mmCIF file of all heavy atoms, coordinates in Angstrom:
data_MODEL
# 
_entry.id   MODEL 
# 
loop_
_atom_site.group_PDB 
_atom_site.id 
_atom_site.type_symbol 
_atom_site.label_atom_id 
_atom_site.label_alt_id 
_atom_site.label_comp_id 
_atom_site.label_asym_id 
_atom_site.label_entity_id 
_atom_site.label_seq_id 
_atom_site.pdbx_PDB_ins_code 
_atom_site.Cartn_x 
_atom_site.Cartn_y 
_atom_site.Cartn_z 
_atom_site.occupancy 
_atom_site.B_iso_or_equiv 
_atom_site.pdbx_formal_charge 
_atom_site.auth_seq_id 
_atom_site.auth_comp_id 
_atom_site.auth_asym_id 
_atom_site.auth_atom_id 
_atom_site.pdbx_PDB_model_num 
ATOM 1   N N   . ARG A 1 1  ? -26.074 132.416 -2.015 1.00 0.00 ? 1  ARG A N   1 
ATOM 2   C CA  . ARG A 1 1  ? -25.765 131.252 -1.155 1.00 0.00 ? 1  ARG A CA  1 
ATOM 3   C C   . ARG A 1 1  ? -24.937 131.788 0.052  1.00 0.00 ? 1  ARG A C   1 
ATOM 4   O O   . ARG A 1 1  ? -24.923 131.092 1.046  1.00 0.00 ? 1  ARG A O   1 
ATOM 5   C CB  . ARG A 1 1  ? -25.000 130.243 -1.859 1.00 0.00 ? 1  ARG A CB  1 
ATOM 6   C CG  . ARG A 1 1  ? -25.787 129.644 -3.161 1.00 0.00 ? 1  ARG A CG  1 
ATOM 7   C CD  . ARG A 1 1  ? -25.024 128.649 -3.893 1.00 0.00 ? 1  ARG A CD  1 
ATOM 8   N NE  . ARG A 1 1  ? -25.799 128.185 -4.976 1.00 0.00 ? 1  ARG A NE  1 
ATOM 9   C CZ  . ARG A 1 1  ? -25.776 128.670 -6.235 1.00 0.00 ? 1  ARG A CZ  1 
ATOM 10  N NH1 . ARG A 1 1  ? -25.066 129.775 -6.487 1.00 0.00 ? 1  ARG A NH1 1 
ATOM 11  N NH2 . ARG A 1 1  ? -26.537 128.204 -7.162 1.00 0.00 ? 1  ARG A NH2 1 
ATOM 12  N N   . GLU A 1 2  ? -24.357 132.919 -0.029 1.00 0.00 ? 2  GLU A N   1 
ATOM 13  C CA  . GLU A 1 2  ? -23.552 133.454 1.080  1.00 0.00 ? 2  GLU A CA  1 
ATOM 14  C C   . GLU A 1 2  ? -23.532 135.011 0.954  1.00 0.00 ? 2  GLU A C   1 
ATOM 15  O O   . GLU A 1 2  ? -23.885 135.600 -0.168 1.00 0.00 ? 2  GLU A O   1 
ATOM 16  C CB  . GLU A 1 2  ? -22.090 132.968 1.036  1.00 0.00 ? 2  GLU A CB  1 
ATOM 17  C CG  . GLU A 1 2  ? -21.401 133.199 -0.261 1.00 0.00 ? 2  GLU A CG  1 
ATOM 18  C CD  . GLU A 1 2  ? -20.069 132.518 -0.281 1.00 0.00 ? 2  GLU A CD  1 
ATOM 19  O OE1 . GLU A 1 2  ? -19.912 131.447 0.269  1.00 0.00 ? 2  GLU A OE1 1 
ATOM 20  O OE2 . GLU A 1 2  ? -19.134 133.119 -0.879 1.00 0.00 ? 2  GLU A OE2 1 
ATOM 21  N N   . PRO A 1 3  ? -23.222 135.737 2.020  1.00 0.00 ? 3  PRO A N   1 
ATOM 22  C CA  . PRO A 1 3  ? -23.304 137.124 2.009  1.00 0.00 ? 3  PRO A CA  1 
ATOM 23  C C   . PRO A 1 3  ? -22.526 137.774 0.847  1.00 0.00 ? 3  PRO A C   1 
ATOM 24  O O   . PRO A 1 3  ? -22.975 138.821 0.264  1.00 0.00 ? 3  PRO A O   1 
ATOM 25  C CB  . PRO A 1 3  ? -22.752 137.602 3.330  1.00 0.00 ? 3  PRO A CB  1 
ATOM 26  C CG  . PRO A 1 3  ? -23.044 136.427 4.208  1.00 0.00 ? 3  PRO A CG  1 
ATOM 27  C CD  . PRO A 1 3  ? -22.889 135.158 3.364  1.00 0.00 ? 3  PRO A CD  1 
ATOM 28  N N   . GLY A 1 4  ? -21.380 137.326 0.505  1.00 0.00 ? 4  GLY A N   1 
ATOM 29  C CA  . GLY A 1 4  ? -20.606 137.815 -0.565 1.00 0.00 ? 4  GLY A CA  1 
ATOM 30  C C   . GLY A 1 4  ? -21.267 137.874 -1.910 1.00 0.00 ? 4  GLY A C   1 
ATOM 31  O O   . GLY A 1 4  ? -20.986 138.651 -2.812 1.00 0.00 ? 4  GLY A O   1 
ATOM 32  N N   . ASP A 1 5  ? -22.341 136.936 -2.167 1.00 0.00 ? 5  ASP A N   1 
ATOM 33  C CA  . ASP A 1 5  ? -23.051 136.980 -3.384 1.00 0.00 ? 5  ASP A CA  1 
ATOM 34  C C   . ASP A 1 5  ? -23.828 138.279 -3.590 1.00 0.00 ? 5  ASP A C   1 
ATOM 35  O O   . ASP A 1 5  ? -24.181 138.648 -4.725 1.00 0.00 ? 5  ASP A O   1 
ATOM 36  C CB  . ASP A 1 5  ? -23.978 135.790 -3.441 1.00 0.00 ? 5  ASP A CB  1 
ATOM 37  C CG  . ASP A 1 5  ? -23.195 134.460 -3.579 1.00 0.00 ? 5  ASP A CG  1 
ATOM 38  O OD1 . ASP A 1 5  ? -22.103 134.420 -4.071 1.00 0.00 ? 5  ASP A OD1 1 
ATOM 39  O OD2 . ASP A 1 5  ? -23.768 133.401 -3.198 1.00 0.00 ? 5  ASP A OD2 1 
ATOM 40  N N   . LEU A 1 6  ? -24.150 138.896 -2.508 1.00 0.00 ? 6  LEU A N   1 
ATOM 41  C CA  . LEU A 1 6  ? -24.926 140.183 -2.595 1.00 0.00 ? 6  LEU A CA  1 
ATOM 42  C C   . LEU A 1 6  ? -24.095 141.299 -3.208 1.00 0.00 ? 6  LEU A C   1 
ATOM 43  O O   . LEU A 1 6  ? -24.692 142.289 -3.735 1.00 0.00 ? 6  LEU A O   1 
ATOM 44  C CB  . LEU A 1 6  ? -25.409 140.666 -1.168 1.00 0.00 ? 6  LEU A CB  1 
ATOM 45  C CG  . LEU A 1 6  ? -26.401 139.717 -0.459 1.00 0.00 ? 6  LEU A CG  1 
ATOM 46  C CD1 . LEU A 1 6  ? -26.557 140.132 0.884  1.00 0.00 ? 6  LEU A CD1 1 
ATOM 47  C CD2 . LEU A 1 6  ? -27.785 139.948 -1.219 1.00 0.00 ? 6  LEU A CD2 1 
ATOM 48  N N   . ASP A 1 7  ? -22.749 141.138 -3.408 1.00 0.00 ? 7  ASP A N   1 
ATOM 49  C CA  . ASP A 1 7  ? -21.976 142.126 -4.018 1.00 0.00 ? 7  ASP A CA  1 
ATOM 50  C C   . ASP A 1 7  ? -22.297 142.265 -5.526 1.00 0.00 ? 7  ASP A C   1 
ATOM 51  O O   . ASP A 1 7  ? -22.018 143.296 -6.119 1.00 0.00 ? 7  ASP A O   1 
ATOM 52  C CB  . ASP A 1 7  ? -20.446 141.748 -3.927 1.00 0.00 ? 7  ASP A CB  1 
ATOM 53  C CG  . ASP A 1 7  ? -20.004 141.869 -2.416 1.00 0.00 ? 7  ASP A CG  1 
ATOM 54  O OD1 . ASP A 1 7  ? -20.655 142.508 -1.571 1.00 0.00 ? 7  ASP A OD1 1 
ATOM 55  O OD2 . ASP A 1 7  ? -18.922 141.201 -2.115 1.00 0.00 ? 7  ASP A OD2 1 
ATOM 56  N N   . LEU A 1 8  ? -22.864 141.195 -6.067 1.00 0.00 ? 8  LEU A N   1 
ATOM 57  C CA  . LEU A 1 8  ? -23.291 141.232 -7.461 1.00 0.00 ? 8  LEU A CA  1 
ATOM 58  C C   . LEU A 1 8  ? -24.640 141.995 -7.733 1.00 0.00 ? 8  LEU A C   1 
ATOM 59  O O   . LEU A 1 8  ? -24.958 142.188 -8.860 1.00 0.00 ? 8  LEU A O   1 
ATOM 60  C CB  . LEU A 1 8  ? -23.466 139.786 -8.033 1.00 0.00 ? 8  LEU A CB  1 
ATOM 61  C CG  . LEU A 1 8  ? -22.125 138.961 -7.969 1.00 0.00 ? 8  LEU A CG  1 
ATOM 62  C CD1 . LEU A 1 8  ? -22.479 137.480 -8.397 1.00 0.00 ? 8  LEU A CD1 1 
ATOM 63  C CD2 . LEU A 1 8  ? -21.118 139.488 -8.805 1.00 0.00 ? 8  LEU A CD2 1 
ATOM 64  N N   . ALA A 1 9  ? -25.267 142.377 -6.679 1.00 0.00 ? 9  ALA A N   1 
ATOM 65  C CA  . ALA A 1 9  ? -26.506 143.108 -6.730 1.00 0.00 ? 9  ALA A CA  1 
ATOM 66  C C   . ALA A 1 9  ? -26.232 144.588 -6.409 1.00 0.00 ? 9  ALA A C   1 
ATOM 67  O O   . ALA A 1 9  ? -25.546 144.934 -5.500 1.00 0.00 ? 9  ALA A O   1 
ATOM 68  C CB  . ALA A 1 9  ? -27.559 142.556 -5.774 1.00 0.00 ? 9  ALA A CB  1 
ATOM 69  N N   . SER A 1 10 ? -26.805 145.438 -7.263 1.00 0.00 ? 10 SER A N   1 
ATOM 70  C CA  . SER A 1 10 ? -26.698 146.884 -6.930 1.00 0.00 ? 10 SER A CA  1 
ATOM 71  C C   . SER A 1 10 ? -27.759 147.301 -5.910 1.00 0.00 ? 10 SER A C   1 
ATOM 72  O O   . SER A 1 10 ? -28.573 146.555 -5.567 1.00 0.00 ? 10 SER A O   1 
ATOM 73  C CB  . SER A 1 10 ? -27.067 147.739 -8.246 1.00 0.00 ? 10 SER A CB  1 
ATOM 74  O OG  . SER A 1 10 ? -28.393 147.480 -8.605 1.00 0.00 ? 10 SER A OG  1 
ATOM 75  N N   . ASP A 1 11 ? -27.583 148.457 -5.371 1.00 0.00 ? 11 ASP A N   1 
ATOM 76  C CA  . ASP A 1 11 ? -28.515 148.974 -4.438 1.00 0.00 ? 11 ASP A CA  1 
ATOM 77  C C   . ASP A 1 11 ? -29.949 149.097 -5.047 1.00 0.00 ? 11 ASP A C   1 
ATOM 78  O O   . ASP A 1 11 ? -30.926 148.819 -4.347 1.00 0.00 ? 11 ASP A O   1 
ATOM 79  C CB  . ASP A 1 11 ? -28.074 150.367 -3.880 1.00 0.00 ? 11 ASP A CB  1 
ATOM 80  C CG  . ASP A 1 11 ? -26.852 150.303 -2.973 1.00 0.00 ? 11 ASP A CG  1 
ATOM 81  O OD1 . ASP A 1 11 ? -26.539 149.222 -2.475 1.00 0.00 ? 11 ASP A OD1 1 
ATOM 82  O OD2 . ASP A 1 11 ? -26.222 151.377 -2.796 1.00 0.00 ? 11 ASP A OD2 1 
ATOM 83  N N   . ALA A 1 12 ? -29.964 149.388 -6.346 1.00 0.00 ? 12 ALA A N   1 
ATOM 84  C CA  . ALA A 1 12 ? -31.290 149.450 -6.998 1.00 0.00 ? 12 ALA A CA  1 
ATOM 85  C C   . ALA A 1 12 ? -31.906 148.021 -7.109 1.00 0.00 ? 12 ALA A C   1 
ATOM 86  O O   . ALA A 1 12 ? -33.089 147.864 -6.954 1.00 0.00 ? 12 ALA A O   1 
ATOM 87  C CB  . ALA A 1 12 ? -31.050 150.033 -8.456 1.00 0.00 ? 12 ALA A CB  1 
ATOM 88  N N   . ASP A 1 13 ? -31.016 146.971 -7.274 1.00 0.00 ? 13 ASP A N   1 
ATOM 89  C CA  . ASP A 1 13 ? -31.576 145.672 -7.384 1.00 0.00 ? 13 ASP A CA  1 
ATOM 90  C C   . ASP A 1 13 ? -32.165 145.273 -5.982 1.00 0.00 ? 13 ASP A C   1 
ATOM 91  O O   . ASP A 1 13 ? -33.282 144.624 -5.885 1.00 0.00 ? 13 ASP A O   1 
ATOM 92  C CB  . ASP A 1 13 ? -30.420 144.669 -7.678 1.00 0.00 ? 13 ASP A CB  1 
ATOM 93  C CG  . ASP A 1 13 ? -29.961 144.785 -9.067 1.00 0.00 ? 13 ASP A CG  1 
ATOM 94  O OD1 . ASP A 1 13 ? -30.667 145.238 -9.948 1.00 0.00 ? 13 ASP A OD1 1 
ATOM 95  O OD2 . ASP A 1 13 ? -28.762 144.457 -9.266 1.00 0.00 ? 13 ASP A OD2 1 
ATOM 96  N N   . LEU A 1 14 ? -31.533 145.690 -4.919 1.00 0.00 ? 14 LEU A N   1 
ATOM 97  C CA  . LEU A 1 14 ? -31.970 145.377 -3.606 1.00 0.00 ? 14 LEU A CA  1 
ATOM 98  C C   . LEU A 1 14 ? -33.296 146.067 -3.296 1.00 0.00 ? 14 LEU A C   1 
ATOM 99  O O   . LEU A 1 14 ? -34.226 145.591 -2.619 1.00 0.00 ? 14 LEU A O   1 
ATOM 100 C CB  . LEU A 1 14 ? -30.934 145.753 -2.513 1.00 0.00 ? 14 LEU A CB  1 
ATOM 101 C CG  . LEU A 1 14 ? -29.719 144.811 -2.389 1.00 0.00 ? 14 LEU A CG  1 
ATOM 102 C CD1 . LEU A 1 14 ? -28.651 145.425 -1.536 1.00 0.00 ? 14 LEU A CD1 1 
ATOM 103 C CD2 . LEU A 1 14 ? -30.107 143.422 -1.964 1.00 0.00 ? 14 LEU A CD2 1 
ATOM 104 N N   . ALA A 1 15 ? -33.424 147.246 -3.808 1.00 0.00 ? 15 ALA A N   1 
ATOM 105 C CA  . ALA A 1 15 ? -34.545 148.128 -3.541 1.00 0.00 ? 15 ALA A CA  1 
ATOM 106 C C   . ALA A 1 15 ? -35.825 147.551 -4.269 1.00 0.00 ? 15 ALA A C   1 
ATOM 107 O O   . ALA A 1 15 ? -36.951 147.734 -3.684 1.00 0.00 ? 15 ALA A O   1 
ATOM 108 C CB  . ALA A 1 15 ? -34.384 149.561 -4.048 1.00 0.00 ? 15 ALA A CB  1 
ATOM 109 N N   . VAL A 1 16 ? -35.653 146.885 -5.391 1.00 0.00 ? 16 VAL A N   1 
ATOM 110 C CA  . VAL A 1 16 ? -36.818 146.425 -6.089 1.00 0.00 ? 16 VAL A CA  1 
ATOM 111 C C   . VAL A 1 16 ? -37.010 144.857 -6.026 1.00 0.00 ? 16 VAL A C   1 
ATOM 112 O O   . VAL A 1 16 ? -37.848 144.253 -6.640 1.00 0.00 ? 16 VAL A O   1 
ATOM 113 C CB  . VAL A 1 16 ? -36.807 146.753 -7.594 1.00 0.00 ? 16 VAL A CB  1 
ATOM 114 C CG1 . VAL A 1 16 ? -36.725 148.249 -7.733 1.00 0.00 ? 16 VAL A CG1 1 
ATOM 115 C CG2 . VAL A 1 16 ? -35.529 146.162 -8.306 1.00 0.00 ? 16 VAL A CG2 1 
ATOM 116 N N   . GLY A 1 17 ? -36.106 144.243 -5.129 1.00 0.00 ? 17 GLY A N   1 
ATOM 117 C CA  . GLY A 1 17 ? -36.173 142.789 -5.049 1.00 0.00 ? 17 GLY A CA  1 
ATOM 118 C C   . GLY A 1 17 ? -36.546 142.286 -3.644 1.00 0.00 ? 17 GLY A C   1 
ATOM 119 O O   . GLY A 1 17 ? -36.834 143.140 -2.698 1.00 0.00 ? 17 GLY A O   1 
ATOM 120 N N   . PHE A 1 18 ? -36.515 141.011 -3.455 1.00 0.00 ? 18 PHE A N   1 
ATOM 121 C CA  . PHE A 1 18 ? -36.721 140.464 -2.106 1.00 0.00 ? 18 PHE A CA  1 
ATOM 122 C C   . PHE A 1 18 ? -35.904 139.157 -2.002 1.00 0.00 ? 18 PHE A C   1 
ATOM 123 O O   . PHE A 1 18 ? -35.639 138.527 -3.037 1.00 0.00 ? 18 PHE A O   1 
ATOM 124 C CB  . PHE A 1 18 ? -38.191 140.189 -1.839 1.00 0.00 ? 18 PHE A CB  1 
ATOM 125 C CG  . PHE A 1 18 ? -38.785 139.078 -2.586 1.00 0.00 ? 18 PHE A CG  1 
ATOM 126 C CD1 . PHE A 1 18 ? -39.140 137.821 -2.033 1.00 0.00 ? 18 PHE A CD1 1 
ATOM 127 C CD2 . PHE A 1 18 ? -39.191 139.313 -3.951 1.00 0.00 ? 18 PHE A CD2 1 
ATOM 128 C CE1 . PHE A 1 18 ? -39.719 136.807 -2.747 1.00 0.00 ? 18 PHE A CE1 1 
ATOM 129 C CE2 . PHE A 1 18 ? -39.787 138.256 -4.726 1.00 0.00 ? 18 PHE A CE2 1 
ATOM 130 C CZ  . PHE A 1 18 ? -39.991 137.008 -4.076 1.00 0.00 ? 18 PHE A CZ  1 
ATOM 131 N N   . LEU A 1 19 ? -35.643 138.795 -0.791 1.00 0.00 ? 19 LEU A N   1 
ATOM 132 C CA  . LEU A 1 19 ? -34.909 137.526 -0.555 1.00 0.00 ? 19 LEU A CA  1 
ATOM 133 C C   . LEU A 1 19 ? -35.898 136.392 -0.544 1.00 0.00 ? 19 LEU A C   1 
ATOM 134 O O   . LEU A 1 19 ? -36.772 136.353 0.342  1.00 0.00 ? 19 LEU A O   1 
ATOM 135 C CB  . LEU A 1 19 ? -34.161 137.578 0.712  1.00 0.00 ? 19 LEU A CB  1 
ATOM 136 C CG  . LEU A 1 19 ? -32.897 138.574 0.796  1.00 0.00 ? 19 LEU A CG  1 
ATOM 137 C CD1 . LEU A 1 19 ? -32.317 138.670 2.158  1.00 0.00 ? 19 LEU A CD1 1 
ATOM 138 C CD2 . LEU A 1 19 ? -31.846 138.139 -0.197 1.00 0.00 ? 19 LEU A CD2 1 
ATOM 139 N N   . LYS A 1 20 ? -35.771 135.484 -1.497 1.00 0.00 ? 20 LYS A N   1 
ATOM 140 C CA  . LYS A 1 20 ? -36.682 134.415 -1.652 1.00 0.00 ? 20 LYS A CA  1 
ATOM 141 C C   . LYS A 1 20 ? -35.902 133.127 -1.290 1.00 0.00 ? 20 LYS A C   1 
ATOM 142 O O   . LYS A 1 20 ? -34.910 132.816 -1.927 1.00 0.00 ? 20 LYS A O   1 
ATOM 143 C CB  . LYS A 1 20 ? -37.219 134.271 -3.088 1.00 0.00 ? 20 LYS A CB  1 
ATOM 144 C CG  . LYS A 1 20 ? -38.180 133.112 -3.385 1.00 0.00 ? 20 LYS A CG  1 
ATOM 145 C CD  . LYS A 1 20 ? -38.680 133.209 -4.791 1.00 0.00 ? 20 LYS A CD  1 
ATOM 146 C CE  . LYS A 1 20 ? -39.626 132.077 -5.114 1.00 0.00 ? 20 LYS A CE  1 
ATOM 147 N NZ  . LYS A 1 20 ? -40.211 132.216 -6.515 1.00 0.00 ? 20 LYS A NZ  1 
ATOM 148 N N   . PRO A 1 21 ? -36.402 132.292 -0.324 1.00 0.00 ? 21 PRO A N   1 
ATOM 149 C CA  . PRO A 1 21 ? -35.644 131.070 0.103  1.00 0.00 ? 21 PRO A CA  1 
ATOM 150 C C   . PRO A 1 21 ? -35.728 130.074 -1.035 1.00 0.00 ? 21 PRO A C   1 
ATOM 151 O O   . PRO A 1 21 ? -36.709 129.963 -1.762 1.00 0.00 ? 21 PRO A O   1 
ATOM 152 C CB  . PRO A 1 21 ? -36.404 130.617 1.284  1.00 0.00 ? 21 PRO A CB  1 
ATOM 153 C CG  . PRO A 1 21 ? -37.777 131.183 1.206  1.00 0.00 ? 21 PRO A CG  1 
ATOM 154 C CD  . PRO A 1 21 ? -37.561 132.510 0.485  1.00 0.00 ? 21 PRO A CD  1 
ATOM 155 N N   . THR A 1 22 ? -34.611 129.338 -1.175 1.00 0.00 ? 22 THR A N   1 
ATOM 156 C CA  . THR A 1 22 ? -34.573 128.257 -2.183 1.00 0.00 ? 22 THR A CA  1 
ATOM 157 C C   . THR A 1 22 ? -35.497 127.107 -1.842 1.00 0.00 ? 22 THR A C   1 
ATOM 158 O O   . THR A 1 22 ? -35.903 126.292 -2.647 1.00 0.00 ? 22 THR A O   1 
ATOM 159 C CB  . THR A 1 22 ? -33.172 127.800 -2.459 1.00 0.00 ? 22 THR A CB  1 
ATOM 160 O OG1 . THR A 1 22 ? -32.586 127.324 -1.245 1.00 0.00 ? 22 THR A OG1 1 
ATOM 161 C CG2 . THR A 1 22 ? -32.294 128.888 -3.076 1.00 0.00 ? 22 THR A CG2 1 
ATOM 162 N N   . GLU A 1 23 ? -35.703 126.907 -0.510 1.00 0.00 ? 23 GLU A N   1 
ATOM 163 C CA  . GLU A 1 23 ? -36.695 125.849 -0.027 1.00 0.00 ? 23 GLU A CA  1 
ATOM 164 C C   . GLU A 1 23 ? -37.650 126.521 0.850  1.00 0.00 ? 23 GLU A C   1 
ATOM 165 O O   . GLU A 1 23 ? -37.376 126.718 2.063  1.00 0.00 ? 23 GLU A O   1 
ATOM 166 C CB  . GLU A 1 23 ? -35.924 124.772 0.685  1.00 0.00 ? 23 GLU A CB  1 
ATOM 167 C CG  . GLU A 1 23 ? -35.005 123.915 -0.183 1.00 0.00 ? 23 GLU A CG  1 
ATOM 168 C CD  . GLU A 1 23 ? -34.434 122.690 0.488  1.00 0.00 ? 23 GLU A CD  1 
ATOM 169 O OE1 . GLU A 1 23 ? -35.174 121.837 0.950  1.00 0.00 ? 23 GLU A OE1 1 
ATOM 170 O OE2 . GLU A 1 23 ? -33.219 122.614 0.641  1.00 0.00 ? 23 GLU A OE2 1 
ATOM 171 N N   . SER A 1 24 ? -38.850 126.909 0.259  1.00 0.00 ? 24 SER A N   1 
ATOM 172 C CA  . SER A 1 24 ? -39.806 127.709 0.961  1.00 0.00 ? 24 SER A CA  1 
ATOM 173 C C   . SER A 1 24 ? -40.330 127.054 2.179  1.00 0.00 ? 24 SER A C   1 
ATOM 174 O O   . SER A 1 24 ? -40.542 127.712 3.276  1.00 0.00 ? 24 SER A O   1 
ATOM 175 C CB  . SER A 1 24 ? -40.932 128.162 0.015  1.00 0.00 ? 24 SER A CB  1 
ATOM 176 O OG  . SER A 1 24 ? -41.490 127.036 -0.505 1.00 0.00 ? 24 SER A OG  1 
ATOM 177 N N   . GLN A 1 25 ? -40.690 125.811 2.152  1.00 0.00 ? 25 GLN A N   1 
ATOM 178 C CA  . GLN A 1 25 ? -41.279 125.135 3.334  1.00 0.00 ? 25 GLN A CA  1 
ATOM 179 C C   . GLN A 1 25 ? -40.317 125.051 4.520  1.00 0.00 ? 25 GLN A C   1 
ATOM 180 O O   . GLN A 1 25 ? -40.728 125.242 5.664  1.00 0.00 ? 25 GLN A O   1 
ATOM 181 C CB  . GLN A 1 25 ? -41.915 123.806 2.989  1.00 0.00 ? 25 GLN A CB  1 
ATOM 182 C CG  . GLN A 1 25 ? -43.099 123.914 2.101  1.00 0.00 ? 25 GLN A CG  1 
ATOM 183 C CD  . GLN A 1 25 ? -43.908 122.597 2.002  1.00 0.00 ? 25 GLN A CD  1 
ATOM 184 O OE1 . GLN A 1 25 ? -43.437 121.567 2.173  1.00 0.00 ? 25 GLN A OE1 1 
ATOM 185 N NE2 . GLN A 1 25 ? -45.214 122.767 1.560  1.00 0.00 ? 25 GLN A NE2 1 
ATOM 186 N N   . VAL A 1 26 ? -39.042 124.767 4.224  1.00 0.00 ? 26 VAL A N   1 
ATOM 187 C CA  . VAL A 1 26 ? -38.047 124.707 5.342  1.00 0.00 ? 26 VAL A CA  1 
ATOM 188 C C   . VAL A 1 26 ? -37.944 126.077 5.891  1.00 0.00 ? 26 VAL A C   1 
ATOM 189 O O   . VAL A 1 26 ? -37.843 126.254 7.169  1.00 0.00 ? 26 VAL A O   1 
ATOM 190 C CB  . VAL A 1 26 ? -36.693 124.236 4.698  1.00 0.00 ? 26 VAL A CB  1 
ATOM 191 C CG1 . VAL A 1 26 ? -35.587 124.325 5.796  1.00 0.00 ? 26 VAL A CG1 1 
ATOM 192 C CG2 . VAL A 1 26 ? -36.856 122.786 4.223  1.00 0.00 ? 26 VAL A CG2 1 
ATOM 193 N N   . HIS A 1 27 ? -37.764 127.151 5.035  1.00 0.00 ? 27 HIS A N   1 
ATOM 194 C CA  . HIS A 1 27 ? -37.686 128.535 5.494  1.00 0.00 ? 27 HIS A CA  1 
ATOM 195 C C   . HIS A 1 27 ? -38.872 128.905 6.357  1.00 0.00 ? 27 HIS A C   1 
ATOM 196 O O   . HIS A 1 27 ? -38.685 129.482 7.470  1.00 0.00 ? 27 HIS A O   1 
ATOM 197 C CB  . HIS A 1 27 ? -37.540 129.459 4.344  1.00 0.00 ? 27 HIS A CB  1 
ATOM 198 C CG  . HIS A 1 27 ? -37.380 130.857 4.741  1.00 0.00 ? 27 HIS A CG  1 
ATOM 199 N ND1 . HIS A 1 27 ? -38.410 131.765 4.832  1.00 0.00 ? 27 HIS A ND1 1 
ATOM 200 C CD2 . HIS A 1 27 ? -36.268 131.620 4.954  1.00 0.00 ? 27 HIS A CD2 1 
ATOM 201 C CE1 . HIS A 1 27 ? -37.956 132.959 5.196  1.00 0.00 ? 27 HIS A CE1 1 
ATOM 202 N NE2 . HIS A 1 27 ? -36.671 132.896 5.260  1.00 0.00 ? 27 HIS A NE2 1 
ATOM 203 N N   . ASN A 1 28 ? -40.028 128.555 6.004  1.00 0.00 ? 28 ASN A N   1 
ATOM 204 C CA  . ASN A 1 28 ? -41.292 128.918 6.660  1.00 0.00 ? 28 ASN A CA  1 
ATOM 205 C C   . ASN A 1 28 ? -41.280 128.301 8.055  1.00 0.00 ? 28 ASN A C   1 
ATOM 206 O O   . ASN A 1 28 ? -41.835 128.890 8.963  1.00 0.00 ? 28 ASN A O   1 
ATOM 207 C CB  . ASN A 1 28 ? -42.483 128.496 5.952  1.00 0.00 ? 28 ASN A CB  1 
ATOM 208 C CG  . ASN A 1 28 ? -43.733 129.136 6.420  1.00 0.00 ? 28 ASN A CG  1 
ATOM 209 O OD1 . ASN A 1 28 ? -43.865 130.333 6.621  1.00 0.00 ? 28 ASN A OD1 1 
ATOM 210 N ND2 . ASN A 1 28 ? -44.707 128.265 6.759  1.00 0.00 ? 28 ASN A ND2 1 
ATOM 211 N N   . ARG A 1 29 ? -40.751 127.091 8.207  1.00 0.00 ? 29 ARG A N   1 
ATOM 212 C CA  . ARG A 1 29 ? -40.773 126.446 9.471  1.00 0.00 ? 29 ARG A CA  1 
ATOM 213 C C   . ARG A 1 29 ? -39.923 127.193 10.495 1.00 0.00 ? 29 ARG A C   1 
ATOM 214 O O   . ARG A 1 29 ? -40.203 127.265 11.691 1.00 0.00 ? 29 ARG A O   1 
ATOM 215 C CB  . ARG A 1 29 ? -40.257 124.969 9.430  1.00 0.00 ? 29 ARG A CB  1 
ATOM 216 C CG  . ARG A 1 29 ? -41.378 123.992 8.997  1.00 0.00 ? 29 ARG A CG  1 
ATOM 217 C CD  . ARG A 1 29 ? -40.960 122.588 9.210  1.00 0.00 ? 29 ARG A CD  1 
ATOM 218 N NE  . ARG A 1 29 ? -39.883 122.155 8.271  1.00 0.00 ? 29 ARG A NE  1 
ATOM 219 C CZ  . ARG A 1 29 ? -40.155 121.685 7.005  1.00 0.00 ? 29 ARG A CZ  1 
ATOM 220 N NH1 . ARG A 1 29 ? -41.363 121.530 6.636  1.00 0.00 ? 29 ARG A NH1 1 
ATOM 221 N NH2 . ARG A 1 29 ? -39.148 121.358 6.263  1.00 0.00 ? 29 ARG A NH2 1 
# 
């Protein structure tokens, strides 16, 4: 929900993941 939440993810998590919007149609617009 905010940049600080990324601290809970390791570099390995970031490498194998992607940022998925919680509301995809709003994000796509």
